[in-house]
Structures are given as C-alpha cells and as structure tokens.
C-alpha cells in the first residue's frame, strides 16, 4: 500500500476516468469510514471478534437477544456517535454535487455520506442505518438517543407505542431479508453507470458485493480503491491499494 503523490500515474488515471464519466456510481464499504475513527466490525479487535452479532430471528424470539443487541449498540454508539465525515466522504459528496456521481451505494450504517452533504435521495443504504430505530412490525421510526439513554439507565427495551412491536436499529441484521427497494435501486443505478467506483470494501459480503461484477459485465469501467487486495481485483480496470481520503482528495481537490 502506498500514499498518493503528485504525478502518481494511477491517481492521474483515476482522475481522468472520473472527469470523463457521465453516470458514475460510488459503492462504499467500511474502509471509507475507518478514517473517521469507526472500526470495521469484522477486523481483528472489532466488535464482532469480541461479541457475536445478534441474528434477527433471535432478536424477534428472545428478550436476552434483544438486550444483547441494544448493549452492542450502546457500545458502538460511543465511537460512531462522535464520528465526523472525512476527506473521502467529502470527496464523494463533491462528485455528486458536480453531477458526475448519480448514486452512492453503501454497505455502511453510519449515515456519514448524508452528513457530508450527499442528498438522502442519492444514497442507497443496503444494510440500513444505525442512527435511528424502527419498529420491526409496523415500521414506525424512532429517535435513537432516548432509547439508548433509557436502556443505559435501567435496561428498558424499546417497544413501539403504535403497535406494541419490538423496536431495533434501522439496520439489516444477520438473518434479516435484504431491503428489496434498496436492492432494486442499486441494481438500476449499476445497470446505467459508465464508471463504478468500489471504495473501501473487501467485496466479500454478498449480495451487495455482486454489484461491481455486474457493472463490469454490463460494460462499465470498474475501479477498486481499497487498502487491501480484494477477490475482484483481477476483474477491475484499475486497482489502487491506497488510503482512501488522501487518494480521493488528490483526485477531487478536496482537502
């Protein structure tokens, strides 16, 4: 892995691809947010190496599982709640505002793309959003802070005041069906793009990781920007094993 330098041929090639794109799609994974201080849950030392993620079916069936899920959310909120968008997020937002990027498809649940200035209508969240909660029965939305405060104070589990259903963060848990509307939007944007930028994703979590290959199969240029190699590197037109924020900053001029 190297850092971008002035005149770096791969960075210059990426800049040219971006400038010539008419309908680019950005696909992001945890790597773009680690530079904001949010650890990758799957990495060694990440939460999932210490605490097993709660399966959705267990959440529905078991009070103890619901307590574990909310306990994990309290822990992650200590870090995620303080995180701010970094150079990578802001660079992506600039490409959206310049009309180069039509859609940001993300595996992340931190909401940092929206906070960096990407309109919510331009973001497709494949794994949901952890910054608020929803009733799993009727879909009613709930602000997260009062739930976390009550749970931390006395272990109160949130219950929907409309239908009495269980409330969980608005994320897609293991064992939970992928959001159909988000998957359709992501597929449509991928099918229409001429440049697909896969950024900060290990590209091992399916079905989300199938979108880069789908874009390449339909004729789009595929670029992978990730600190570590991925299983799809051989398929890509350009691969950069670089720090994301500095690289995108060099491409877009965002500091």
C-alpha atoms as a PDB file:
ATOM      1  CA  UNK A   1       0.000   0.000   0.000  1.00  0.00           C
ATOM      2  CA  UNK A   2       1.307   3.459  -0.885  1.00  0.00           C
ATOM      3  CA  UNK A   3       0.095   7.017  -0.443  1.00  0.00           C
ATOM      4  CA  UNK A   4      -0.727   9.204  -3.440  1.00  0.00           C
ATOM      5  CA  UNK A   5       1.987  11.597  -4.618  1.00  0.00           C
ATOM      6  CA  UNK A   6       1.992  14.393  -7.161  1.00  0.00           C
ATOM      7  CA  UNK A   7       2.077  12.915 -10.637  1.00  0.00           C
ATOM      8  CA  UNK A   8       1.243   9.373  -9.480  1.00  0.00           C
ATOM      9  CA  UNK A   9       0.116   7.666 -12.712  1.00  0.00           C
ATOM     10  CA  UNK A  10      -2.654   5.606 -11.082  1.00  0.00           C
ATOM     11  CA  UNK A  11      -4.099   8.654  -9.327  1.00  0.00           C
ATOM     12  CA  UNK A  12      -3.923  10.627 -12.587  1.00  0.00           C
ATOM     13  CA  UNK A  13      -5.644   7.793 -14.426  1.00  0.00           C
ATOM     14  CA  UNK A  14      -8.396   7.732 -11.809  1.00  0.00           C
ATOM     15  CA  UNK A  15      -8.782  11.487 -12.137  1.00  0.00           C
ATOM     16  CA  UNK A  16      -9.198  11.142 -15.915  1.00  0.00           C
ATOM     17  CA  UNK A  17     -11.754   8.355 -15.551  1.00  0.00           C
ATOM     18  CA  UNK A  18     -13.758  10.441 -13.083  1.00  0.00           C
ATOM     19  CA  UNK A  19     -13.620  13.587 -15.210  1.00  0.00           C
ATOM     20  CA  UNK A  20     -14.784  11.700 -18.311  1.00  0.00           C
ATOM     21  CA  UNK A  21     -17.603   9.805 -16.608  1.00  0.00           C
ATOM     22  CA  UNK A  22     -21.188  10.776 -17.323  1.00  0.00           C
ATOM     23  CA  UNK A  23     -23.018   8.470 -14.916  1.00  0.00           C
ATOM     24  CA  UNK A  24     -20.688   7.213 -12.206  1.00  0.00           C
ATOM     25  CA  UNK A  25     -21.739   5.102  -9.228  1.00  0.00           C
ATOM     26  CA  UNK A  26     -19.825   5.000  -5.952  1.00  0.00           C
ATOM     27  CA  UNK A  27     -20.039   1.839  -3.843  1.00  0.00           C
ATOM     28  CA  UNK A  28     -18.613   2.157  -0.327  1.00  0.00           C
ATOM     29  CA  UNK A  29     -17.720  -0.195   2.484  1.00  0.00           C
ATOM     30  CA  UNK A  30     -16.311   0.130   5.978  1.00  0.00           C
ATOM     31  CA  UNK A  31     -12.903   1.302   4.726  1.00  0.00           C
ATOM     32  CA  UNK A  32     -14.142   4.778   3.887  1.00  0.00           C
ATOM     33  CA  UNK A  33     -15.328   5.275   7.474  1.00  0.00           C
ATOM     34  CA  UNK A  34     -12.358   3.805   9.337  1.00  0.00           C
ATOM     35  CA  UNK A  35     -10.590   7.098   8.571  1.00  0.00           C
ATOM     36  CA  UNK A  36     -13.349   8.751  10.639  1.00  0.00           C
ATOM     37  CA  UNK A  37     -12.446   6.535  13.583  1.00  0.00           C
ATOM     38  CA  UNK A  38     -15.179   3.926  13.084  1.00  0.00           C
ATOM     39  CA  UNK A  39     -13.596   0.460  13.328  1.00  0.00           C
ATOM     40  CA  UNK A  40     -14.507  -2.260  10.882  1.00  0.00           C
ATOM     41  CA  UNK A  41     -16.650  -4.658  12.902  1.00  0.00           C
ATOM     42  CA  UNK A  42     -15.136  -7.663  11.080  1.00  0.00           C
ATOM     43  CA  UNK A  43     -11.475  -6.750  11.575  1.00  0.00           C
ATOM     44  CA  UNK A  44      -9.368  -8.287  14.358  1.00  0.00           C
ATOM     45  CA  UNK A  45     -10.225  -6.386  17.504  1.00  0.00           C
ATOM     46  CA  UNK A  46     -13.522  -5.214  16.035  1.00  0.00           C
ATOM     47  CA  UNK A  47     -16.748  -5.745  17.934  1.00  0.00           C
ATOM     48  CA  UNK A  48     -17.670  -8.935  16.120  1.00  0.00           C
ATOM     49  CA  UNK A  49     -14.372 -10.545  17.125  1.00  0.00           C
ATOM     50  CA  UNK A  50     -15.395  -9.944  20.759  1.00  0.00           C
ATOM     51  CA  UNK A  51     -19.200 -10.158  20.688  1.00  0.00           C
ATOM     52  CA  UNK A  52     -21.221 -12.322  18.359  1.00  0.00           C
ATOM     53  CA  UNK A  53     -23.673 -10.291  16.249  1.00  0.00           C
ATOM     54  CA  UNK A  54     -27.317 -10.959  17.099  1.00  0.00           C
ATOM     55  CA  UNK A  55     -29.270 -12.856  14.468  1.00  0.00           C
ATOM     56  CA  UNK A  56     -32.575 -11.225  13.522  1.00  0.00           C
ATOM     57  CA  UNK A  57     -34.536 -14.388  14.291  1.00  0.00           C
ATOM     58  CA  UNK A  58     -33.055 -14.460  17.785  1.00  0.00           C
ATOM     59  CA  UNK A  59     -33.871 -10.766  18.243  1.00  0.00           C
ATOM     60  CA  UNK A  60     -37.514 -11.488  17.471  1.00  0.00           C
ATOM     61  CA  UNK A  61     -37.733 -14.579  19.665  1.00  0.00           C
ATOM     62  CA  UNK A  62     -35.611 -13.754  22.704  1.00  0.00           C
ATOM     63  CA  UNK A  63     -35.576 -10.919  25.219  1.00  0.00           C
ATOM     64  CA  UNK A  64     -31.980 -11.747  26.125  1.00  0.00           C
ATOM     65  CA  UNK A  65     -31.005 -11.430  22.464  1.00  0.00           C
ATOM     66  CA  UNK A  66     -32.721  -8.046  22.271  1.00  0.00           C
ATOM     67  CA  UNK A  67     -30.791  -6.939  25.346  1.00  0.00           C
ATOM     68  CA  UNK A  68     -27.528  -8.079  23.785  1.00  0.00           C
ATOM     69  CA  UNK A  69     -28.329  -6.239  20.541  1.00  0.00           C
ATOM     70  CA  UNK A  70     -29.039  -2.985  22.340  1.00  0.00           C
ATOM     71  CA  UNK A  71     -25.986  -3.442  24.559  1.00  0.00           C
ATOM     72  CA  UNK A  72     -23.862  -3.739  21.425  1.00  0.00           C
ATOM     73  CA  UNK A  73     -25.480  -0.602  20.019  1.00  0.00           C
ATOM     74  CA  UNK A  74     -24.678   1.339  23.182  1.00  0.00           C
ATOM     75  CA  UNK A  75     -21.035   0.252  22.833  1.00  0.00           C
ATOM     76  CA  UNK A  76     -20.781   1.152  19.148  1.00  0.00           C
ATOM     77  CA  UNK A  77     -22.535   4.483  19.726  1.00  0.00           C
ATOM     78  CA  UNK A  78     -19.620   5.650  21.868  1.00  0.00           C
ATOM     79  CA  UNK A  79     -17.469   5.642  18.738  1.00  0.00           C
ATOM     80  CA  UNK A  80     -19.948   6.050  15.917  1.00  0.00           C
ATOM     81  CA  UNK A  81     -21.809   8.885  17.594  1.00  0.00           C
ATOM     82  CA  UNK A  82     -18.645  11.011  17.661  1.00  0.00           C
ATOM     83  CA  UNK A  83     -17.527  10.290  14.107  1.00  0.00           C
ATOM     84  CA  UNK A  84     -17.406  13.023  11.501  1.00  0.00           C
ATOM     85  CA  UNK A  85     -17.217  12.743   7.690  1.00  0.00           C
ATOM     86  CA  UNK A  86     -13.634  12.601   6.434  1.00  0.00           C
ATOM     87  CA  UNK A  87     -11.902  13.635   3.200  1.00  0.00           C
ATOM     88  CA  UNK A  88     -13.213  10.535   1.446  1.00  0.00           C
ATOM     89  CA  UNK A  89     -16.833  11.278   2.298  1.00  0.00           C
ATOM     90  CA  UNK A  90     -16.447  14.911   1.307  1.00  0.00           C
ATOM     91  CA  UNK A  91     -14.764  13.988  -1.982  1.00  0.00           C
ATOM     92  CA  UNK A  92     -17.639  11.658  -2.856  1.00  0.00           C
ATOM     93  CA  UNK A  93     -20.122  14.414  -1.962  1.00  0.00           C
ATOM     94  CA  UNK A  94     -18.307  16.811  -4.278  1.00  0.00           C
ATOM     95  CA  UNK A  95     -18.606  14.351  -7.171  1.00  0.00           C
ATOM     96  CA  UNK A  96     -22.336  14.059  -6.501  1.00  0.00           C
ATOM     97  CA  UNK A  97     -22.770  17.830  -6.482  1.00  0.00           C
ATOM     98  CA  UNK A  98     -20.731  18.132  -9.682  1.00  0.00           C
ATOM     99  CA  UNK A  99     -23.159  15.761 -11.411  1.00  0.00           C
ATOM    100  CA  UNK A 100     -20.536  13.066 -12.014  1.00  0.00           C
ATOM    101  CA  UNK A 101     -21.838  10.561  -9.473  1.00  0.00           C
ATOM    102  CA  UNK A 102     -25.527   9.742  -9.749  1.00  0.00           C
ATOM    103  CA  UNK A 103     -25.804   7.312  -6.843  1.00  0.00           C
ATOM    104  CA  UNK A 104     -23.865   6.341  -3.726  1.00  0.00           C
ATOM    105  CA  UNK A 105     -24.490   2.713  -2.814  1.00  0.00           C
ATOM    106  CA  UNK A 106     -23.190   1.949   0.666  1.00  0.00           C
ATOM    107  CA  UNK A 107     -22.803  -1.052   2.910  1.00  0.00           C
ATOM    108  CA  UNK A 108     -22.201   1.323   5.824  1.00  0.00           C
ATOM    109  CA  UNK A 109     -24.761   2.104   8.511  1.00  0.00           C
ATOM    110  CA  UNK A 110     -23.218   5.296   9.909  1.00  0.00           C
ATOM    111  CA  UNK A 111     -25.036   7.956   7.857  1.00  0.00           C
ATOM    112  CA  UNK A 112     -21.774   9.804   7.149  1.00  0.00           C
ATOM    113  CA  UNK A 113     -22.468  10.159   3.427  1.00  0.00           C
ATOM    114  CA  UNK A 114     -25.596  12.173   4.187  1.00  0.00           C
ATOM    115  CA  UNK A 115     -23.767  14.214   6.816  1.00  0.00           C
ATOM    116  CA  UNK A 116     -21.033  15.017   4.271  1.00  0.00           C
ATOM    117  CA  UNK A 117     -23.636  16.618   2.009  1.00  0.00           C
ATOM    118  CA  UNK A 118     -24.887  13.817  -0.226  1.00  0.00           C
ATOM    119  CA  UNK A 119     -28.671  14.213  -0.560  1.00  0.00           C
ATOM    120  CA  UNK A 120     -30.530  11.334   1.058  1.00  0.00           C
ATOM    121  CA  UNK A 121     -32.251  10.603  -2.263  1.00  0.00           C
ATOM    122  CA  UNK A 122     -28.848   9.865  -3.800  1.00  0.00           C
ATOM    123  CA  UNK A 123     -27.816   7.330  -1.125  1.00  0.00           C
ATOM    124  CA  UNK A 124     -28.789   3.665  -1.235  1.00  0.00           C
ATOM    125  CA  UNK A 125     -28.224   2.018   2.151  1.00  0.00           C
ATOM    126  CA  UNK A 126     -28.008  -1.718   1.545  1.00  0.00           C
ATOM    127  CA  UNK A 127     -27.564  -2.583   5.215  1.00  0.00           C
ATOM    128  CA  UNK A 128     -29.775   0.098   6.715  1.00  0.00           C
ATOM    129  CA  UNK A 129     -28.894   2.928   9.074  1.00  0.00           C
ATOM    130  CA  UNK A 130     -27.903   2.761  12.734  1.00  0.00           C
ATOM    131  CA  UNK A 131     -28.567   6.428  13.527  1.00  0.00           C
ATOM    132  CA  UNK A 132     -32.260   5.812  14.196  1.00  0.00           C
ATOM    133  CA  UNK A 133     -34.577   2.916  15.051  1.00  0.00           C
ATOM    134  CA  UNK A 134     -37.706   1.335  13.617  1.00  0.00           C
ATOM    135  CA  UNK A 135     -40.477  -0.952  14.791  1.00  0.00           C
ATOM    136  CA  UNK A 136     -39.946  -4.292  13.103  1.00  0.00           C
ATOM    137  CA  UNK A 137     -43.717  -4.784  12.865  1.00  0.00           C
ATOM    138  CA  UNK A 138     -45.182  -1.512  11.553  1.00  0.00           C
ATOM    139  CA  UNK A 139     -42.024   0.351  10.538  1.00  0.00           C
ATOM    140  CA  UNK A 140     -42.612   3.391  12.768  1.00  0.00           C
ATOM    141  CA  UNK A 141     -39.372   5.406  13.116  1.00  0.00           C
ATOM    142  CA  UNK A 142     -37.837   6.343  16.458  1.00  0.00           C
ATOM    143  CA  UNK A 143     -35.087   8.723  17.530  1.00  0.00           C
ATOM    144  CA  UNK A 144     -32.148   6.772  18.872  1.00  0.00           C
ATOM    145  CA  UNK A 145     -30.857   8.878  21.779  1.00  0.00           C
ATOM    146  CA  UNK A 146     -33.877   8.474  24.123  1.00  0.00           C
ATOM    147  CA  UNK A 147     -33.792   4.715  23.549  1.00  0.00           C
ATOM    148  CA  UNK A 148     -30.094   4.469  24.376  1.00  0.00           C
ATOM    149  CA  UNK A 149     -30.496   6.696  27.439  1.00  0.00           C
ATOM    150  CA  UNK A 150     -33.356   4.588  28.830  1.00  0.00           C
ATOM    151  CA  UNK A 151     -31.557   1.314  28.131  1.00  0.00           C
ATOM    152  CA  UNK A 152     -28.356   2.571  29.762  1.00  0.00           C
ATOM    153  CA  UNK A 153     -30.263   3.869  32.784  1.00  0.00           C
ATOM    154  CA  UNK A 154     -32.319   0.814  33.702  1.00  0.00           C
ATOM    155  CA  UNK A 155     -32.241  -1.700  30.837  1.00  0.00           C
ATOM    156  CA  UNK A 156     -35.561  -0.618  29.343  1.00  0.00           C
ATOM    157  CA  UNK A 157     -36.139  -2.306  25.997  1.00  0.00           C
ATOM    158  CA  UNK A 158     -37.932  -0.114  23.427  1.00  0.00           C
ATOM    159  CA  UNK A 159     -41.454  -1.103  22.431  1.00  0.00           C
ATOM    160  CA  UNK A 160     -43.467   0.539  19.671  1.00  0.00           C
ATOM    161  CA  UNK A 161     -46.070   2.914  21.080  1.00  0.00           C
ATOM    162  CA  UNK A 162     -48.200   2.420  17.963  1.00  0.00           C
ATOM    163  CA  UNK A 163     -48.461  -1.352  17.657  1.00  0.00           C
ATOM    164  CA  UNK A 164     -46.535  -2.805  20.586  1.00  0.00           C
ATOM    165  CA  UNK A 165     -43.903  -4.383  18.347  1.00  0.00           C
ATOM    166  CA  UNK A 166     -40.195  -4.695  19.071  1.00  0.00           C
ATOM    167  CA  UNK A 167     -38.019  -1.717  18.104  1.00  0.00           C
ATOM    168  CA  UNK A 168     -34.481  -2.174  16.754  1.00  0.00           C
ATOM    169  CA  UNK A 169     -31.960  -0.031  14.996  1.00  0.00           C
ATOM    170  CA  UNK A 170     -32.890   0.513  11.360  1.00  0.00           C
ATOM    171  CA  UNK A 171     -30.145  -1.823  10.199  1.00  0.00           C
ATOM    172  CA  UNK A 172     -30.220  -5.143   8.380  1.00  0.00           C
ATOM    173  CA  UNK A 173     -29.174  -7.833  10.841  1.00  0.00           C
ATOM    174  CA  UNK A 174     -27.858 -11.284  10.086  1.00  0.00           C
ATOM    175  CA  UNK A 175     -30.815 -13.479   9.194  1.00  0.00           C
ATOM    176  CA  UNK A 176     -32.908 -10.497   8.077  1.00  0.00           C
ATOM    177  CA  UNK A 177     -34.017 -10.100   4.467  1.00  0.00           C
ATOM    178  CA  UNK A 178     -32.190  -7.508   2.392  1.00  0.00           C
ATOM    179  CA  UNK A 179     -34.305  -4.405   1.710  1.00  0.00           C
ATOM    180  CA  UNK A 180     -35.989  -5.020  -1.635  1.00  0.00           C
ATOM    181  CA  UNK A 181     -36.436  -1.378  -2.602  1.00  0.00           C
ATOM    182  CA  UNK A 182     -32.791  -0.544  -1.877  1.00  0.00           C
ATOM    183  CA  UNK A 183     -31.579  -3.563  -3.836  1.00  0.00           C
ATOM    184  CA  UNK A 184     -33.723  -2.571  -6.828  1.00  0.00           C
ATOM    185  CA  UNK A 185     -32.406   1.000  -6.733  1.00  0.00           C
ATOM    186  CA  UNK A 186     -28.821  -0.222  -6.505  1.00  0.00           C
ATOM    187  CA  UNK A 187     -29.300  -2.636  -9.387  1.00  0.00           C
ATOM    188  CA  UNK A 188     -30.882   0.036 -11.589  1.00  0.00           C
ATOM    189  CA  UNK A 189     -28.122   2.572 -10.873  1.00  0.00           C
ATOM    190  CA  UNK A 190     -25.445  -0.043 -11.509  1.00  0.00           C
ATOM    191  CA  UNK A 191     -27.020  -1.052 -14.824  1.00  0.00           C
ATOM    192  CA  UNK A 192     -26.999   2.560 -16.038  1.00  0.00           C
ATOM    193  CA  UNK A 193     -23.498   3.631 -14.945  1.00  0.00           C
ATOM    194  CA  UNK A 194     -20.422   4.020 -17.115  1.00  0.00           C
ATOM    195  CA  UNK A 195     -17.974   4.099 -14.179  1.00  0.00           C
ATOM    196  CA  UNK A 196     -18.288   2.055 -10.997  1.00  0.00           C
ATOM    197  CA  UNK A 197     -16.044   3.066  -8.088  1.00  0.00           C
ATOM    198  CA  UNK A 198     -15.808   0.415  -5.361  1.00  0.00           C
ATOM    199  CA  UNK A 199     -14.258   2.170  -2.363  1.00  0.00           C
ATOM    200  CA  UNK A 200     -13.242   0.733   0.990  1.00  0.00           C
ATOM    201  CA  UNK A 201     -14.979  -2.606   0.637  1.00  0.00           C
ATOM    202  CA  UNK A 202     -13.462  -6.063   0.989  1.00  0.00           C
ATOM    203  CA  UNK A 203     -16.091  -7.188  -1.550  1.00  0.00           C
ATOM    204  CA  UNK A 204     -16.833 -10.432   0.260  1.00  0.00           C
ATOM    205  CA  UNK A 205     -20.315  -9.720   1.675  1.00  0.00           C
ATOM    206  CA  UNK A 206     -22.991 -10.805  -0.784  1.00  0.00           C
ATOM    207  CA  UNK A 207     -25.354  -9.994  -2.370  1.00  0.00           C
ATOM    208  CA  UNK A 208     -24.038  -6.432  -2.041  1.00  0.00           C
ATOM    209  CA  UNK A 209     -20.588  -7.359  -3.350  1.00  0.00           C
ATOM    210  CA  UNK A 210     -22.147  -8.614  -6.580  1.00  0.00           C
ATOM    211  CA  UNK A 211     -22.746  -5.087  -7.887  1.00  0.00           C
ATOM    212  CA  UNK A 212     -19.147  -4.343  -9.006  1.00  0.00           C
ATOM    213  CA  UNK A 213     -19.023  -7.508 -11.127  1.00  0.00           C
ATOM    214  CA  UNK A 214     -22.487  -6.730 -12.500  1.00  0.00           C
ATOM    215  CA  UNK A 215     -21.355  -3.260 -13.562  1.00  0.00           C
ATOM    216  CA  UNK A 216     -18.238  -4.641 -15.246  1.00  0.00           C
ATOM    217  CA  UNK A 217     -20.263  -7.318 -17.036  1.00  0.00           C
ATOM    218  CA  UNK A 218     -22.536  -4.627 -18.486  1.00  0.00           C
ATOM    219  CA  UNK A 219     -19.572  -2.677 -19.843  1.00  0.00           C
ATOM    220  CA  UNK A 220     -18.855  -0.083 -17.137  1.00  0.00           C
ATOM    221  CA  UNK A 221     -15.287   0.729 -16.142  1.00  0.00           C
ATOM    222  CA  UNK A 222     -14.574  -0.788 -12.741  1.00  0.00           C
ATOM    223  CA  UNK A 223     -12.206   0.889 -10.282  1.00  0.00           C
ATOM    224  CA  UNK A 224     -11.375  -0.610  -6.883  1.00  0.00           C
ATOM    225  CA  UNK A 225      -9.866   1.658  -4.219  1.00  0.00           C
ATOM    226  CA  UNK A 226      -9.106  -0.272  -1.054  1.00  0.00           C
ATOM    227  CA  UNK A 227      -6.176  -0.557   1.326  1.00  0.00           C
ATOM    228  CA  UNK A 228      -6.014  -4.341   0.934  1.00  0.00           C
ATOM    229  CA  UNK A 229      -6.443  -6.652  -2.068  1.00  0.00           C
ATOM    230  CA  UNK A 230      -9.942  -7.945  -2.847  1.00  0.00           C
ATOM    231  CA  UNK A 231     -11.199 -11.025  -4.646  1.00  0.00           C
ATOM    232  CA  UNK A 232     -12.378  -8.827  -7.533  1.00  0.00           C
ATOM    233  CA  UNK A 233      -9.071  -7.040  -8.180  1.00  0.00           C
ATOM    234  CA  UNK A 234      -8.373  -9.163 -11.265  1.00  0.00           C
ATOM    235  CA  UNK A 235     -11.699  -8.073 -12.754  1.00  0.00           C
ATOM    236  CA  UNK A 236     -11.111  -4.348 -12.316  1.00  0.00           C
ATOM    237  CA  UNK A 237      -9.790  -1.913 -14.918  1.00  0.00           C
ATOM    238  CA  UNK A 238      -7.878  -0.022 -12.228  1.00  0.00           C
ATOM    239  CA  UNK A 239      -6.916  -1.056  -8.698  1.00  0.00           C
ATOM    240  CA  UNK A 240      -5.451   1.294  -6.099  1.00  0.00           C
ATOM    241  CA  UNK A 241      -4.299  -0.075  -2.749  1.00  0.00           C
ATOM    242  CA  UNK A 242      -4.171   3.327  -1.091  1.00  0.00           C
ATOM    243  CA  UNK A 243      -5.502   5.397   1.765  1.00  0.00           C
ATOM    244  CA  UNK A 244      -8.969   6.456   0.655  1.00  0.00           C
ATOM    245  CA  UNK A 245      -9.240  10.021   1.929  1.00  0.00           C
ATOM    246  CA  UNK A 246      -5.889  11.271   0.577  1.00  0.00           C
ATOM    247  CA  UNK A 247      -6.411   9.493  -2.750  1.00  0.00           C
ATOM    248  CA  UNK A 248      -9.901  10.871  -3.356  1.00  0.00           C
ATOM    249  CA  UNK A 249      -8.732  14.229  -2.099  1.00  0.00           C
ATOM    250  CA  UNK A 250      -5.972  14.244  -4.722  1.00  0.00           C
ATOM    251  CA  UNK A 251      -8.471  13.294  -7.427  1.00  0.00           C
ATOM    252  CA  UNK A 252     -11.127  15.874  -6.497  1.00  0.00           C
ATOM    253  CA  UNK A 253      -9.101  18.651  -4.933  1.00  0.00           C
ATOM    254  CA  UNK A 254     -10.945  18.272  -1.620  1.00  0.00           C
ATOM    255  CA  UNK A 255      -8.683  18.751   1.408  1.00  0.00           C
END
